[in-house]
């Protein structure tokens, strides 16, 4: 029979959700070149000017993979162990 040595370790499962909600996304400041004719360049390229920082979105597979990895890490920290001798049946 399997038993967990530290079942309270599963209280750490929602920690990534709290970090995702409470911590701001990582933004990196980089130096840039400012030109007075920027609007002309954007119009010639047919693009839209956006904000200064870019926050990359994760794919669904990455999110599911990270959740699975975190769950397996927490399950490993709970230290599953086999209690008692294995039951053998002889006929």
C-alpha atoms as a PDB file:
ATOM      1  CA  UNK A   1       0.000   0.000   0.000  1.00  0.00           C
ATOM      2  CA  UNK A   2       1.263   3.456  -0.843  1.00  0.00           C
ATOM      3  CA  UNK A   3       1.272   6.287   1.650  1.00  0.00           C
ATOM      4  CA  UNK A   4       2.487   9.887   1.524  1.00  0.00           C
ATOM      5  CA  UNK A   5       5.084  10.905   4.092  1.00  0.00           C
ATOM      6  CA  UNK A   6       4.292  14.622   3.673  1.00  0.00           C
ATOM      7  CA  UNK A   7       0.704  15.000   2.411  1.00  0.00           C
ATOM      8  CA  UNK A   8       0.709  18.677   3.375  1.00  0.00           C
ATOM      9  CA  UNK A   9       3.127  19.276   0.470  1.00  0.00           C
ATOM     10  CA  UNK A  10       0.096  19.357  -1.828  1.00  0.00           C
ATOM     11  CA  UNK A  11      -0.729  22.751  -0.304  1.00  0.00           C
ATOM     12  CA  UNK A  12       1.997  24.090  -2.634  1.00  0.00           C
ATOM     13  CA  UNK A  13      -0.018  23.209  -5.763  1.00  0.00           C
ATOM     14  CA  UNK A  14      -1.700  26.646  -6.132  1.00  0.00           C
ATOM     15  CA  UNK A  15       1.557  28.624  -5.651  1.00  0.00           C
ATOM     16  CA  UNK A  16       2.138  29.208  -9.409  1.00  0.00           C
ATOM     17  CA  UNK A  17      -1.413  30.576  -9.739  1.00  0.00           C
ATOM     18  CA  UNK A  18      -0.821  33.041  -6.914  1.00  0.00           C
ATOM     19  CA  UNK A  19       2.462  34.114  -8.514  1.00  0.00           C
ATOM     20  CA  UNK A  20       0.746  34.543 -11.891  1.00  0.00           C
ATOM     21  CA  UNK A  21      -2.016  36.719 -10.394  1.00  0.00           C
ATOM     22  CA  UNK A  22       0.071  38.762  -7.961  1.00  0.00           C
ATOM     23  CA  UNK A  23       3.406  39.329  -9.708  1.00  0.00           C
ATOM     24  CA  UNK A  24       3.678  41.661 -12.696  1.00  0.00           C
ATOM     25  CA  UNK A  25       4.910  40.263 -16.016  1.00  0.00           C
ATOM     26  CA  UNK A  26       8.581  40.631 -16.817  1.00  0.00           C
ATOM     27  CA  UNK A  27       9.316  43.686 -18.926  1.00  0.00           C
ATOM     28  CA  UNK A  28      12.687  44.513 -20.323  1.00  0.00           C
ATOM     29  CA  UNK A  29      13.825  48.027 -21.137  1.00  0.00           C
ATOM     30  CA  UNK A  30      16.077  48.326 -24.139  1.00  0.00           C
ATOM     31  CA  UNK A  31      17.628  51.338 -25.745  1.00  0.00           C
ATOM     32  CA  UNK A  32      16.075  52.466 -28.972  1.00  0.00           C
ATOM     33  CA  UNK A  33      16.598  54.888 -31.783  1.00  0.00           C
ATOM     34  CA  UNK A  34      14.143  57.768 -31.993  1.00  0.00           C
ATOM     35  CA  UNK A  35      13.483  59.314 -35.370  1.00  0.00           C
ATOM     36  CA  UNK A  36      11.308  62.380 -36.047  1.00  0.00           C
ATOM     37  CA  UNK A  37       9.724  60.736 -39.114  1.00  0.00           C
ATOM     38  CA  UNK A  38       8.541  57.553 -37.357  1.00  0.00           C
ATOM     39  CA  UNK A  39       4.917  58.019 -38.437  1.00  0.00           C
ATOM     40  CA  UNK A  40       6.050  58.210 -42.068  1.00  0.00           C
ATOM     41  CA  UNK A  41       7.965  54.936 -41.715  1.00  0.00           C
ATOM     42  CA  UNK A  42       4.958  53.196 -40.142  1.00  0.00           C
ATOM     43  CA  UNK A  43       2.653  54.482 -42.879  1.00  0.00           C
ATOM     44  CA  UNK A  44       5.052  53.359 -45.621  1.00  0.00           C
ATOM     45  CA  UNK A  45       5.356  49.888 -44.088  1.00  0.00           C
ATOM     46  CA  UNK A  46       1.581  49.564 -43.683  1.00  0.00           C
ATOM     47  CA  UNK A  47       1.991  48.497 -40.065  1.00  0.00           C
ATOM     48  CA  UNK A  48       0.576  49.698 -36.760  1.00  0.00           C
ATOM     49  CA  UNK A  49       2.667  51.277 -34.053  1.00  0.00           C
ATOM     50  CA  UNK A  50       2.320  49.444 -30.754  1.00  0.00           C
ATOM     51  CA  UNK A  51       3.454  49.913 -27.197  1.00  0.00           C
ATOM     52  CA  UNK A  52       7.042  49.955 -26.146  1.00  0.00           C
ATOM     53  CA  UNK A  53       7.185  46.564 -24.452  1.00  0.00           C
ATOM     54  CA  UNK A  54       6.184  43.169 -25.737  1.00  0.00           C
ATOM     55  CA  UNK A  55       4.845  40.433 -23.463  1.00  0.00           C
ATOM     56  CA  UNK A  56       4.904  37.059 -25.161  1.00  0.00           C
ATOM     57  CA  UNK A  57       1.880  34.816 -24.725  1.00  0.00           C
ATOM     58  CA  UNK A  58       2.308  31.161 -23.879  1.00  0.00           C
ATOM     59  CA  UNK A  59       0.824  28.417 -25.970  1.00  0.00           C
ATOM     60  CA  UNK A  60      -1.709  26.087 -24.429  1.00  0.00           C
ATOM     61  CA  UNK A  61       0.703  23.135 -24.670  1.00  0.00           C
ATOM     62  CA  UNK A  62       3.346  25.057 -22.718  1.00  0.00           C
ATOM     63  CA  UNK A  63       0.845  25.922 -19.979  1.00  0.00           C
ATOM     64  CA  UNK A  64      -0.368  22.327 -19.691  1.00  0.00           C
ATOM     65  CA  UNK A  65       3.218  21.067 -19.669  1.00  0.00           C
ATOM     66  CA  UNK A  66       4.265  23.450 -16.910  1.00  0.00           C
ATOM     67  CA  UNK A  67       1.211  22.510 -14.825  1.00  0.00           C
ATOM     68  CA  UNK A  68       1.998  18.809 -15.253  1.00  0.00           C
ATOM     69  CA  UNK A  69       5.644  19.314 -14.327  1.00  0.00           C
ATOM     70  CA  UNK A  70       4.710  21.355 -11.231  1.00  0.00           C
ATOM     71  CA  UNK A  71       2.199  18.691 -10.141  1.00  0.00           C
ATOM     72  CA  UNK A  72       4.820  15.949 -10.516  1.00  0.00           C
ATOM     73  CA  UNK A  73       7.373  17.986  -8.538  1.00  0.00           C
ATOM     74  CA  UNK A  74       4.893  18.519  -5.696  1.00  0.00           C
ATOM     75  CA  UNK A  75       3.906  14.831  -5.772  1.00  0.00           C
ATOM     76  CA  UNK A  76       7.595  13.937  -5.509  1.00  0.00           C
ATOM     77  CA  UNK A  77       8.015  16.302  -2.565  1.00  0.00           C
ATOM     78  CA  UNK A  78       5.104  14.562  -0.822  1.00  0.00           C
ATOM     79  CA  UNK A  79       7.384  11.493  -0.791  1.00  0.00           C
ATOM     80  CA  UNK A  80       5.159   8.560  -1.734  1.00  0.00           C
ATOM     81  CA  UNK A  81       6.381   5.361  -0.129  1.00  0.00           C
ATOM     82  CA  UNK A  82       5.293   1.787   0.151  1.00  0.00           C
ATOM     83  CA  UNK A  83       4.204   0.809   3.631  1.00  0.00           C
ATOM     84  CA  UNK A  84       4.469  -2.747   4.819  1.00  0.00           C
ATOM     85  CA  UNK A  85       5.538  -5.876   3.025  1.00  0.00           C
ATOM     86  CA  UNK A  86       4.081  -6.646  -0.373  1.00  0.00           C
ATOM     87  CA  UNK A  87       1.294  -9.199  -0.187  1.00  0.00           C
ATOM     88  CA  UNK A  88       2.145 -12.359  -2.068  1.00  0.00           C
ATOM     89  CA  UNK A  89      -0.407 -14.992  -2.857  1.00  0.00           C
ATOM     90  CA  UNK A  90       0.601 -18.579  -3.164  1.00  0.00           C
ATOM     91  CA  UNK A  91      -1.662 -21.100  -4.728  1.00  0.00           C
END
